[in-house]
Amino acid sequence: MTKLVIKNIRNIAVVLTIAMFFSCKNDAKEVRDFLADKNLPIGESYNIDHKHTDSGRIDVKMKAPIMLDFDNRKAHPYSEFPEGIKITTIDKNKDSVTIEGDYARNYRLTQVSELRNNVVIINHKEKTKLTTEEIYWDQKTHYFFTEKSFVFYTLTDTVYGTGFESTEDLKQRWIKNLRGVIEVKD
């Protein structure tokens, strides 16, 4: 009789376990909504070293220690780089611009990135450099802008100001509230 009771208990346990597995379902949308409600990312990536190519030529390099994917946000899906990011864009003439900051957020729908804390942008060919604490980068229009204070370096000038707009290569600039000495060419 003892063997029969043990066998029946074992059979009941197997049936309950199987029923439990079949009764559990995780709808992907439910999981994404749960993570969004808890303000949790749906993905995490570590030690990113990404190279984008166009026709076999590397045109963008990106490095970041951590990327958090918040693509589950309905209104504004984004990727977050809480420990910083470094992006180098390389054009067909092998001219390059490096953009880096200690924190970044890239909004997928608008294609606007926000970089904060120790932001540095360098045009290596022109030997120009911008430093600021916050900048926005519109990747569709290839445009930078900030209302924060900045320092802009060229070979001959150091310009201080508050409010800066520029093309992505830093060649065309609009400076607000300028301070500093600038060499003017006739």
N, C-alpha and C. Protein backbone atom coordinates (compact mmCIF):
# COMPACT_ATOMS: atom_id res chain seq x y z
N MET A 1 0.82 -1.18 0.00
CA MET A 1 0.00 0.00 0.00
C MET A 1 0.87 1.25 0.00
N THR A 2 1.96 1.25 0.64
CA THR A 2 2.85 2.41 0.70
C THR A 2 3.40 2.74 -0.68
N LYS A 3 3.78 1.69 -1.45
CA LYS A 3 4.30 1.93 -2.78
C LYS A 3 3.22 2.54 -3.68
N LEU A 4 1.99 2.12 -3.50
CA LEU A 4 0.88 2.65 -4.30
C LEU A 4 0.62 4.12 -3.96
N VAL A 5 0.69 4.52 -2.71
CA VAL A 5 0.49 5.91 -2.28
C VAL A 5 1.61 6.78 -2.85
N ILE A 6 2.85 6.30 -2.75
CA ILE A 6 3.99 7.06 -3.27
C ILE A 6 3.86 7.24 -4.79
N LYS A 7 3.44 6.15 -5.49
CA LYS A 7 3.28 6.22 -6.93
C LYS A 7 2.18 7.21 -7.31
N ASN A 8 1.08 7.22 -6.56
CA ASN A 8 -0.01 8.16 -6.83
C ASN A 8 0.43 9.61 -6.56
N ILE A 9 1.15 9.84 -5.50
CA ILE A 9 1.64 11.18 -5.17
C ILE A 9 2.59 11.66 -6.28
N ARG A 10 3.46 10.77 -6.72
CA ARG A 10 4.40 11.11 -7.80
C ARG A 10 3.63 11.45 -9.08
N ASN A 11 2.61 10.69 -9.42
CA ASN A 11 1.81 10.96 -10.61
C ASN A 11 1.07 12.29 -10.50
N ILE A 12 0.55 12.58 -9.32
CA ILE A 12 -0.14 13.86 -9.10
C ILE A 12 0.85 15.01 -9.25
N ALA A 13 2.04 14.87 -8.70
CA ALA A 13 3.08 15.90 -8.80
C ALA A 13 3.46 16.15 -10.26
N VAL A 14 3.60 15.08 -11.04
CA VAL A 14 3.94 15.22 -12.46
C VAL A 14 2.82 15.94 -13.21
N VAL A 15 1.58 15.56 -12.95
CA VAL A 15 0.44 16.19 -13.62
C VAL A 15 0.36 17.68 -13.24
N LEU A 16 0.55 18.01 -11.96
CA LEU A 16 0.51 19.42 -11.54
C LEU A 16 1.65 20.22 -12.16
N THR A 17 2.84 19.62 -12.23
CA THR A 17 3.98 20.31 -12.84
C THR A 17 3.72 20.60 -14.31
N ILE A 18 3.21 19.60 -15.03
CA ILE A 18 2.90 19.80 -16.45
C ILE A 18 1.81 20.85 -16.61
N ALA A 19 0.79 20.81 -15.77
CA ALA A 19 -0.29 21.80 -15.83
C ALA A 19 0.25 23.20 -15.56
N MET A 20 1.18 23.30 -14.62
CA MET A 20 1.77 24.60 -14.30
C MET A 20 2.54 25.15 -15.50
N PHE A 21 3.31 24.33 -16.19
CA PHE A 21 4.07 24.79 -17.35
C PHE A 21 3.15 25.25 -18.48
N PHE A 22 2.06 24.53 -18.68
CA PHE A 22 1.16 24.90 -19.76
C PHE A 22 0.27 26.07 -19.39
N SER A 23 0.06 26.32 -18.11
CA SER A 23 -0.79 27.44 -17.71
C SER A 23 -0.03 28.76 -17.72
N CYS A 24 1.30 28.71 -17.63
CA CYS A 24 2.10 29.93 -17.64
C CYS A 24 2.30 30.37 -19.08
N LYS A 25 2.01 31.61 -19.33
CA LYS A 25 2.31 32.15 -20.65
C LYS A 25 2.80 33.57 -20.45
N ASN A 26 3.81 33.93 -21.17
CA ASN A 26 4.36 35.27 -21.12
C ASN A 26 4.19 35.89 -22.49
N ASP A 27 3.18 36.72 -22.60
CA ASP A 27 2.97 37.47 -23.82
C ASP A 27 4.05 38.55 -23.87
N ALA A 28 4.71 38.68 -25.01
CA ALA A 28 5.82 39.64 -25.14
C ALA A 28 5.35 41.06 -24.83
N LYS A 29 4.15 41.41 -25.26
CA LYS A 29 3.63 42.74 -24.99
C LYS A 29 3.43 42.95 -23.48
N GLU A 30 2.93 41.94 -22.79
CA GLU A 30 2.74 42.04 -21.34
C GLU A 30 4.08 42.23 -20.63
N VAL A 31 5.10 41.52 -21.07
CA VAL A 31 6.43 41.65 -20.45
C VAL A 31 6.96 43.05 -20.68
N ARG A 32 6.87 43.57 -21.93
CA ARG A 32 7.35 44.92 -22.23
C ARG A 32 6.60 45.96 -21.40
N ASP A 33 5.27 45.81 -21.30
CA ASP A 33 4.48 46.75 -20.51
C ASP A 33 4.87 46.70 -19.04
N PHE A 34 5.09 45.49 -18.52
CA PHE A 34 5.52 45.34 -17.13
C PHE A 34 6.85 46.06 -16.90
N LEU A 35 7.82 45.83 -17.81
CA LEU A 35 9.13 46.48 -17.67
C LEU A 35 9.01 47.99 -17.79
N ALA A 36 8.15 48.47 -18.69
CA ALA A 36 7.96 49.91 -18.84
C ALA A 36 7.34 50.51 -17.59
N ASP A 37 6.36 49.82 -17.01
CA ASP A 37 5.72 50.30 -15.78
C ASP A 37 6.72 50.39 -14.63
N LYS A 38 7.65 49.48 -14.59
CA LYS A 38 8.66 49.45 -13.52
C LYS A 38 9.89 50.29 -13.88
N ASN A 39 9.86 50.98 -15.06
CA ASN A 39 10.97 51.77 -15.58
C ASN A 39 12.24 50.94 -15.71
N LEU A 40 12.08 49.73 -16.24
CA LEU A 40 13.20 48.83 -16.45
C LEU A 40 13.46 48.67 -17.94
N PRO A 41 14.73 48.52 -18.33
CA PRO A 41 15.03 48.33 -19.76
C PRO A 41 14.62 46.93 -20.21
N ILE A 42 14.38 46.79 -21.52
CA ILE A 42 14.07 45.46 -22.05
C ILE A 42 15.34 44.75 -22.50
N GLY A 43 16.45 45.48 -22.49
CA GLY A 43 17.73 44.86 -22.87
C GLY A 43 18.90 45.64 -22.31
N GLU A 44 20.00 44.95 -22.09
CA GLU A 44 21.24 45.57 -21.62
C GLU A 44 22.38 45.01 -22.45
N SER A 45 23.31 45.89 -22.83
CA SER A 45 24.51 45.47 -23.55
C SER A 45 25.71 46.04 -22.83
N TYR A 46 26.79 45.27 -22.83
CA TYR A 46 28.00 45.68 -22.12
C TYR A 46 29.20 45.66 -23.06
N ASN A 47 30.16 46.56 -22.78
CA ASN A 47 31.41 46.66 -23.54
C ASN A 47 31.16 46.72 -25.05
N ILE A 48 30.39 47.70 -25.45
CA ILE A 48 30.01 47.84 -26.86
C ILE A 48 31.19 48.40 -27.66
N ASP A 49 31.48 47.78 -28.77
CA ASP A 49 32.48 48.25 -29.73
C ASP A 49 31.87 48.01 -31.11
N HIS A 50 31.09 48.98 -31.57
CA HIS A 50 30.30 48.84 -32.79
C HIS A 50 30.93 49.61 -33.94
N LYS A 51 30.99 49.01 -35.10
CA LYS A 51 31.49 49.67 -36.31
C LYS A 51 30.42 49.54 -37.38
N HIS A 52 30.00 50.66 -37.95
CA HIS A 52 29.01 50.67 -39.03
C HIS A 52 29.74 50.87 -40.34
N THR A 53 29.38 50.09 -41.34
CA THR A 53 30.03 50.22 -42.64
C THR A 53 29.01 50.61 -43.70
N ASP A 54 29.50 51.32 -44.70
CA ASP A 54 28.71 51.69 -45.85
C ASP A 54 29.55 51.36 -47.08
N SER A 55 29.11 50.41 -47.88
CA SER A 55 29.84 49.95 -49.07
C SER A 55 31.25 49.47 -48.71
N GLY A 56 31.35 48.79 -47.59
CA GLY A 56 32.64 48.22 -47.17
C GLY A 56 33.56 49.20 -46.46
N ARG A 57 33.15 50.45 -46.31
CA ARG A 57 33.97 51.48 -45.66
C ARG A 57 33.37 51.80 -44.29
N ILE A 58 34.19 51.78 -43.25
CA ILE A 58 33.71 52.13 -41.90
C ILE A 58 33.41 53.62 -41.88
N ASP A 59 32.16 53.97 -41.52
CA ASP A 59 31.81 55.38 -41.45
C ASP A 59 31.43 55.83 -40.03
N VAL A 60 31.17 54.90 -39.12
CA VAL A 60 30.87 55.25 -37.73
C VAL A 60 31.46 54.19 -36.81
N LYS A 61 32.12 54.65 -35.76
CA LYS A 61 32.60 53.76 -34.69
C LYS A 61 31.96 54.25 -33.39
N MET A 62 31.48 53.30 -32.61
CA MET A 62 30.86 53.66 -31.33
C MET A 62 31.38 52.73 -30.24
N LYS A 63 31.75 53.32 -29.11
CA LYS A 63 32.17 52.55 -27.95
C LYS A 63 31.41 53.04 -26.73
N ALA A 64 30.99 52.09 -25.90
CA ALA A 64 30.29 52.43 -24.66
C ALA A 64 30.40 51.26 -23.71
N PRO A 65 30.56 51.54 -22.41
CA PRO A 65 30.62 50.44 -21.44
C PRO A 65 29.27 49.74 -21.25
N ILE A 66 28.16 50.53 -21.27
CA ILE A 66 26.83 49.96 -21.03
C ILE A 66 25.81 50.68 -21.91
N MET A 67 24.87 49.90 -22.47
CA MET A 67 23.72 50.47 -23.16
C MET A 67 22.47 49.80 -22.60
N LEU A 68 21.52 50.62 -22.18
CA LEU A 68 20.23 50.14 -21.70
C LEU A 68 19.18 50.46 -22.77
N ASP A 69 18.41 49.44 -23.16
CA ASP A 69 17.43 49.58 -24.23
C ASP A 69 16.04 49.78 -23.63
N PHE A 70 15.50 50.99 -23.79
CA PHE A 70 14.15 51.31 -23.33
C PHE A 70 13.23 51.45 -24.53
N ASP A 71 13.34 50.54 -25.48
CA ASP A 71 12.52 50.55 -26.69
C ASP A 71 11.07 50.20 -26.39
N ASN A 72 10.77 49.84 -25.15
CA ASN A 72 9.40 49.49 -24.75
C ASN A 72 8.58 50.72 -24.40
N ARG A 73 9.13 51.91 -24.47
CA ARG A 73 8.38 53.13 -24.21
C ARG A 73 7.55 53.46 -25.44
N LYS A 74 6.26 53.63 -25.27
CA LYS A 74 5.39 53.88 -26.41
C LYS A 74 5.62 55.26 -27.02
N ALA A 75 5.66 56.28 -26.20
CA ALA A 75 5.76 57.65 -26.71
C ALA A 75 7.18 57.99 -27.17
N HIS A 76 8.17 57.66 -26.38
CA HIS A 76 9.55 58.05 -26.68
C HIS A 76 10.53 56.90 -26.40
N PRO A 77 10.59 55.90 -27.26
CA PRO A 77 11.57 54.82 -27.04
C PRO A 77 12.99 55.38 -27.17
N TYR A 78 13.89 54.89 -26.31
CA TYR A 78 15.25 55.41 -26.33
C TYR A 78 16.25 54.36 -25.87
N SER A 79 17.52 54.66 -26.13
CA SER A 79 18.63 53.90 -25.60
C SER A 79 19.40 54.82 -24.67
N GLU A 80 19.87 54.28 -23.56
CA GLU A 80 20.57 55.09 -22.57
C GLU A 80 21.97 54.54 -22.37
N PHE A 81 22.92 55.44 -22.23
CA PHE A 81 24.32 55.09 -22.02
C PHE A 81 24.76 55.75 -20.71
N PRO A 82 24.47 55.11 -19.57
CA PRO A 82 24.68 55.75 -18.27
C PRO A 82 26.15 55.94 -17.89
N GLU A 83 27.05 55.21 -18.52
CA GLU A 83 28.48 55.36 -18.20
C GLU A 83 29.25 55.98 -19.35
N GLY A 84 28.54 56.65 -20.24
CA GLY A 84 29.19 57.39 -21.30
C GLY A 84 29.22 56.69 -22.64
N ILE A 85 29.65 57.46 -23.64
CA ILE A 85 29.69 56.98 -25.02
C ILE A 85 30.75 57.76 -25.78
N LYS A 86 31.33 57.12 -26.78
CA LYS A 86 32.28 57.79 -27.68
C LYS A 86 31.94 57.35 -29.10
N ILE A 87 31.65 58.33 -29.97
CA ILE A 87 31.28 58.07 -31.35
C ILE A 87 32.24 58.81 -32.26
N THR A 88 32.75 58.13 -33.25
CA THR A 88 33.60 58.76 -34.26
C THR A 88 32.94 58.56 -35.61
N THR A 89 32.68 59.67 -36.30
CA THR A 89 32.13 59.59 -37.65
C THR A 89 33.27 59.86 -38.63
N ILE A 90 33.30 59.11 -39.71
CA ILE A 90 34.37 59.22 -40.69
C ILE A 90 33.74 59.41 -42.07
N ASP A 91 34.07 60.53 -42.74
CA ASP A 91 33.47 60.73 -44.06
C ASP A 91 34.34 60.10 -45.15
N LYS A 92 33.92 60.25 -46.39
CA LYS A 92 34.61 59.59 -47.51
C LYS A 92 36.04 60.09 -47.70
N ASN A 93 36.34 61.31 -47.25
CA ASN A 93 37.69 61.86 -47.36
C ASN A 93 38.56 61.47 -46.17
N LYS A 94 38.03 60.59 -45.32
CA LYS A 94 38.68 60.12 -44.09
C LYS A 94 38.83 61.22 -43.04
N ASP A 95 38.05 62.31 -43.19
CA ASP A 95 37.97 63.31 -42.13
C ASP A 95 37.09 62.73 -41.03
N SER A 96 37.41 63.01 -39.78
CA SER A 96 36.63 62.42 -38.71
C SER A 96 36.26 63.45 -37.64
N VAL A 97 35.13 63.19 -37.02
CA VAL A 97 34.64 63.98 -35.89
C VAL A 97 34.36 63.00 -34.76
N THR A 98 34.87 63.31 -33.58
CA THR A 98 34.65 62.47 -32.40
C THR A 98 33.73 63.21 -31.43
N ILE A 99 32.73 62.49 -30.94
CA ILE A 99 31.76 63.03 -29.99
C ILE A 99 31.79 62.12 -28.78
N GLU A 100 31.96 62.69 -27.60
CA GLU A 100 31.92 61.85 -26.40
C GLU A 100 31.34 62.62 -25.22
N GLY A 101 30.76 61.85 -24.30
CA GLY A 101 30.19 62.42 -23.09
C GLY A 101 30.07 61.33 -22.04
N ASP A 102 29.93 61.74 -20.78
CA ASP A 102 29.83 60.79 -19.67
C ASP A 102 28.45 60.15 -19.55
N TYR A 103 27.46 60.72 -20.23
CA TYR A 103 26.09 60.18 -20.21
C TYR A 103 25.45 60.52 -21.56
N ALA A 104 24.65 59.60 -22.09
CA ALA A 104 23.95 59.89 -23.34
C ALA A 104 22.62 59.17 -23.38
N ARG A 105 21.72 59.75 -24.14
CA ARG A 105 20.42 59.14 -24.38
C ARG A 105 20.08 59.40 -25.85
N ASN A 106 19.69 58.36 -26.57
CA ASN A 106 19.34 58.48 -27.99
C ASN A 106 17.87 58.11 -28.16
N TYR A 107 17.07 59.08 -28.63
CA TYR A 107 15.65 58.85 -28.86
C TYR A 107 15.45 58.32 -30.28
N ARG A 108 14.91 57.12 -30.38
CA ARG A 108 14.81 56.42 -31.66
C ARG A 108 13.88 57.12 -32.65
N LEU A 109 12.71 57.56 -32.23
CA LEU A 109 11.74 58.13 -33.16
C LEU A 109 12.17 59.48 -33.72
N THR A 110 12.72 60.34 -32.89
CA THR A 110 13.12 61.67 -33.35
C THR A 110 14.55 61.71 -33.87
N GLN A 111 15.32 60.69 -33.58
CA GLN A 111 16.75 60.61 -33.94
C GLN A 111 17.53 61.80 -33.36
N VAL A 112 17.18 62.18 -32.15
CA VAL A 112 17.91 63.22 -31.43
C VAL A 112 18.59 62.56 -30.24
N SER A 113 19.87 62.87 -30.08
CA SER A 113 20.63 62.35 -28.94
C SER A 113 20.95 63.50 -28.00
N GLU A 114 20.96 63.17 -26.72
CA GLU A 114 21.31 64.12 -25.67
C GLU A 114 22.59 63.60 -25.01
N LEU A 115 23.62 64.42 -24.98
CA LEU A 115 24.87 64.06 -24.31
C LEU A 115 25.08 65.03 -23.16
N ARG A 116 25.49 64.50 -22.00
CA ARG A 116 25.70 65.34 -20.83
C ARG A 116 26.99 64.99 -20.12
N ASN A 117 27.47 65.93 -19.37
CA ASN A 117 28.63 65.78 -18.49
C ASN A 117 29.91 65.52 -19.27
N ASN A 118 30.78 66.51 -19.26
CA ASN A 118 32.09 66.43 -19.92
C ASN A 118 31.96 66.09 -21.41
N VAL A 119 31.10 66.81 -22.10
CA VAL A 119 30.91 66.59 -23.53
C VAL A 119 32.06 67.24 -24.29
N VAL A 120 32.65 66.47 -25.19
CA VAL A 120 33.75 66.95 -26.03
C VAL A 120 33.47 66.53 -27.47
N ILE A 121 33.55 67.50 -28.39
CA ILE A 121 33.40 67.23 -29.81
C ILE A 121 34.64 67.76 -30.51
N ILE A 122 35.28 66.92 -31.31
CA ILE A 122 36.53 67.31 -31.98
C ILE A 122 36.41 67.03 -33.47
N ASN A 123 36.73 68.05 -34.28
CA ASN A 123 36.90 67.86 -35.71
C ASN A 123 38.41 67.73 -35.92
N HIS A 124 38.86 66.54 -36.24
CA HIS A 124 40.30 66.26 -36.29
C HIS A 124 40.99 66.98 -37.45
N LYS A 125 40.35 67.09 -38.61
CA LYS A 125 40.97 67.76 -39.75
C LYS A 125 41.09 69.26 -39.51
N GLU A 126 40.00 69.88 -39.05
CA GLU A 126 39.98 71.32 -38.82
C GLU A 126 40.71 71.72 -37.53
N LYS A 127 40.98 70.73 -36.68
CA LYS A 127 41.61 70.96 -35.38
C LYS A 127 40.80 71.94 -34.53
N THR A 128 39.48 71.70 -34.51
CA THR A 128 38.59 72.47 -33.66
C THR A 128 38.00 71.55 -32.60
N LYS A 129 37.64 72.17 -31.47
CA LYS A 129 37.15 71.37 -30.34
C LYS A 129 36.11 72.18 -29.58
N LEU A 130 35.02 71.51 -29.21
CA LEU A 130 33.97 72.11 -28.41
C LEU A 130 33.85 71.33 -27.11
N THR A 131 33.80 72.04 -25.98
CA THR A 131 33.54 71.40 -24.69
C THR A 131 32.33 72.09 -24.06
N THR A 132 31.45 71.28 -23.47
CA THR A 132 30.26 71.79 -22.80
C THR A 132 29.75 70.72 -21.84
N GLU A 133 28.75 71.05 -21.06
CA GLU A 133 28.16 70.09 -20.13
C GLU A 133 26.93 69.40 -20.69
N GLU A 134 26.37 69.94 -21.78
CA GLU A 134 25.18 69.33 -22.37
C GLU A 134 25.06 69.77 -23.82
N ILE A 135 24.73 68.83 -24.68
CA ILE A 135 24.48 69.17 -26.08
C ILE A 135 23.46 68.20 -26.65
N TYR A 136 22.70 68.68 -27.62
CA TYR A 136 21.75 67.85 -28.34
C TYR A 136 22.26 67.68 -29.76
N TRP A 137 22.08 66.49 -30.30
CA TRP A 137 22.59 66.16 -31.62
C TRP A 137 21.43 65.63 -32.46
N ASP A 138 21.01 66.41 -33.44
CA ASP A 138 19.94 65.99 -34.36
C ASP A 138 20.61 65.23 -35.50
N GLN A 139 20.45 63.93 -35.51
CA GLN A 139 21.15 63.09 -36.48
C GLN A 139 20.51 63.15 -37.87
N LYS A 140 19.25 63.56 -37.95
CA LYS A 140 18.60 63.69 -39.27
C LYS A 140 19.14 64.91 -40.01
N THR A 141 19.32 66.02 -39.29
CA THR A 141 19.79 67.25 -39.92
C THR A 141 21.29 67.46 -39.74
N HIS A 142 21.96 66.55 -39.02
CA HIS A 142 23.41 66.63 -38.78
C HIS A 142 23.77 67.96 -38.11
N TYR A 143 23.18 68.18 -36.93
CA TYR A 143 23.22 69.49 -36.29
C TYR A 143 23.37 69.34 -34.78
N PHE A 144 24.22 70.17 -34.16
CA PHE A 144 24.40 70.22 -32.71
C PHE A 144 23.80 71.52 -32.18
N PHE A 145 23.25 71.47 -30.94
CA PHE A 145 22.80 72.71 -30.30
C PHE A 145 22.78 72.55 -28.79
N THR A 146 23.06 73.67 -28.11
CA THR A 146 23.00 73.72 -26.65
C THR A 146 22.70 75.14 -26.22
N GLU A 147 22.10 75.28 -25.06
CA GLU A 147 21.90 76.59 -24.44
C GLU A 147 22.81 76.74 -23.22
N LYS A 148 23.65 75.75 -22.97
CA LYS A 148 24.57 75.76 -21.83
C LYS A 148 25.85 76.53 -22.20
N SER A 149 26.67 76.79 -21.20
CA SER A 149 27.96 77.43 -21.46
C SER A 149 28.88 76.44 -22.17
N PHE A 150 29.83 76.99 -22.94
CA PHE A 150 30.73 76.17 -23.73
C PHE A 150 32.07 76.86 -23.89
N VAL A 151 33.05 76.12 -24.34
CA VAL A 151 34.34 76.66 -24.77
C VAL A 151 34.61 76.04 -26.13
N PHE A 152 34.95 76.89 -27.12
CA PHE A 152 35.23 76.42 -28.48
C PHE A 152 36.67 76.82 -28.82
N TYR A 153 37.46 75.84 -29.21
CA TYR A 153 38.87 76.06 -29.51
C TYR A 153 39.12 75.91 -31.01
N THR A 154 39.89 76.85 -31.58
CA THR A 154 40.42 76.71 -32.93
C THR A 154 41.93 76.82 -32.81
N LEU A 155 42.64 76.78 -33.94
CA LEU A 155 44.10 76.93 -33.89
C LEU A 155 44.52 78.30 -33.38
N THR A 156 43.68 79.32 -33.60
CA THR A 156 44.06 80.69 -33.22
C THR A 156 43.22 81.28 -32.10
N ASP A 157 42.05 80.72 -31.81
CA ASP A 157 41.12 81.35 -30.86
C ASP A 157 40.61 80.38 -29.80
N THR A 158 40.24 80.97 -28.66
CA THR A 158 39.48 80.26 -27.65
C THR A 158 38.25 81.12 -27.37
N VAL A 159 37.08 80.58 -27.66
CA VAL A 159 35.83 81.33 -27.56
C VAL A 159 35.01 80.75 -26.41
N TYR A 160 34.52 81.63 -25.55
CA TYR A 160 33.65 81.25 -24.45
C TYR A 160 32.27 81.81 -24.73
N GLY A 161 31.25 81.12 -24.31
CA GLY A 161 29.92 81.64 -24.51
C GLY A 161 28.86 80.78 -23.87
N THR A 162 27.62 81.20 -24.07
CA THR A 162 26.47 80.44 -23.62
C THR A 162 25.52 80.36 -24.80
N GLY A 163 25.24 79.16 -25.25
CA GLY A 163 24.40 78.94 -26.42
C GLY A 163 25.25 78.74 -27.66
N PHE A 164 25.12 77.56 -28.27
CA PHE A 164 25.96 77.21 -29.42
C PHE A 164 25.15 76.33 -30.36
N GLU A 165 25.27 76.61 -31.64
CA GLU A 165 24.66 75.77 -32.67
C GLU A 165 25.70 75.55 -33.74
N SER A 166 25.68 74.36 -34.35
CA SER A 166 26.71 74.05 -35.32
C SER A 166 26.28 72.90 -36.22
N THR A 167 26.89 72.88 -37.41
CA THR A 167 26.78 71.69 -38.23
C THR A 167 27.56 70.58 -37.54
N GLU A 168 27.31 69.36 -37.94
CA GLU A 168 27.91 68.19 -37.30
C GLU A 168 29.44 68.20 -37.36
N ASP A 169 30.01 68.85 -38.36
CA ASP A 169 31.47 68.89 -38.50
C ASP A 169 32.09 70.11 -37.83
N LEU A 170 31.31 70.93 -37.15
CA LEU A 170 31.72 72.15 -36.44
C LEU A 170 32.23 73.25 -37.37
N LYS A 171 32.01 73.13 -38.69
CA LYS A 171 32.52 74.13 -39.62
C LYS A 171 31.64 75.38 -39.66
N GLN A 172 30.33 75.23 -39.63
CA GLN A 172 29.44 76.38 -39.59
C GLN A 172 28.88 76.49 -38.19
N ARG A 173 29.13 77.65 -37.56
CA ARG A 173 28.78 77.81 -36.14
C ARG A 173 27.95 79.07 -35.93
N TRP A 174 27.03 79.00 -34.97
CA TRP A 174 26.27 80.15 -34.53
C TRP A 174 26.45 80.22 -33.02
N ILE A 175 27.07 81.31 -32.58
CA ILE A 175 27.43 81.44 -31.17
C ILE A 175 26.59 82.55 -30.55
N LYS A 176 26.02 82.25 -29.38
CA LYS A 176 25.24 83.23 -28.65
C LYS A 176 26.05 83.67 -27.43
N ASN A 177 25.83 84.86 -26.97
CA ASN A 177 26.45 85.36 -25.73
C ASN A 177 27.95 85.06 -25.71
N LEU A 178 28.64 85.60 -26.66
CA LEU A 178 30.06 85.36 -26.90
C LEU A 178 30.94 86.12 -25.91
N ARG A 179 32.03 85.46 -25.47
CA ARG A 179 33.08 86.09 -24.66
C ARG A 179 34.40 85.57 -25.22
N GLY A 180 35.39 86.43 -25.33
CA GLY A 180 36.69 86.00 -25.80
C GLY A 180 37.18 86.85 -26.96
N VAL A 181 38.40 86.62 -27.35
CA VAL A 181 39.02 87.34 -28.45
C VAL A 181 39.01 86.45 -29.68
N ILE A 182 38.54 86.99 -30.80
CA ILE A 182 38.43 86.20 -32.02
C ILE A 182 39.20 86.91 -33.14
N GLU A 183 39.96 86.16 -33.88
CA GLU A 183 40.66 86.70 -35.04
C GLU A 183 39.68 86.75 -36.20
N VAL A 184 39.51 87.93 -36.77
CA VAL A 184 38.57 88.13 -37.87
C VAL A 184 39.37 88.25 -39.17
N LYS A 185 38.99 87.47 -40.17
CA LYS A 185 39.65 87.51 -41.47
C LYS A 185 38.86 88.42 -42.40
N ASP A 186 39.58 89.23 -43.17
CA ASP A 186 38.93 90.12 -44.13
C ASP A 186 38.46 89.40 -45.34
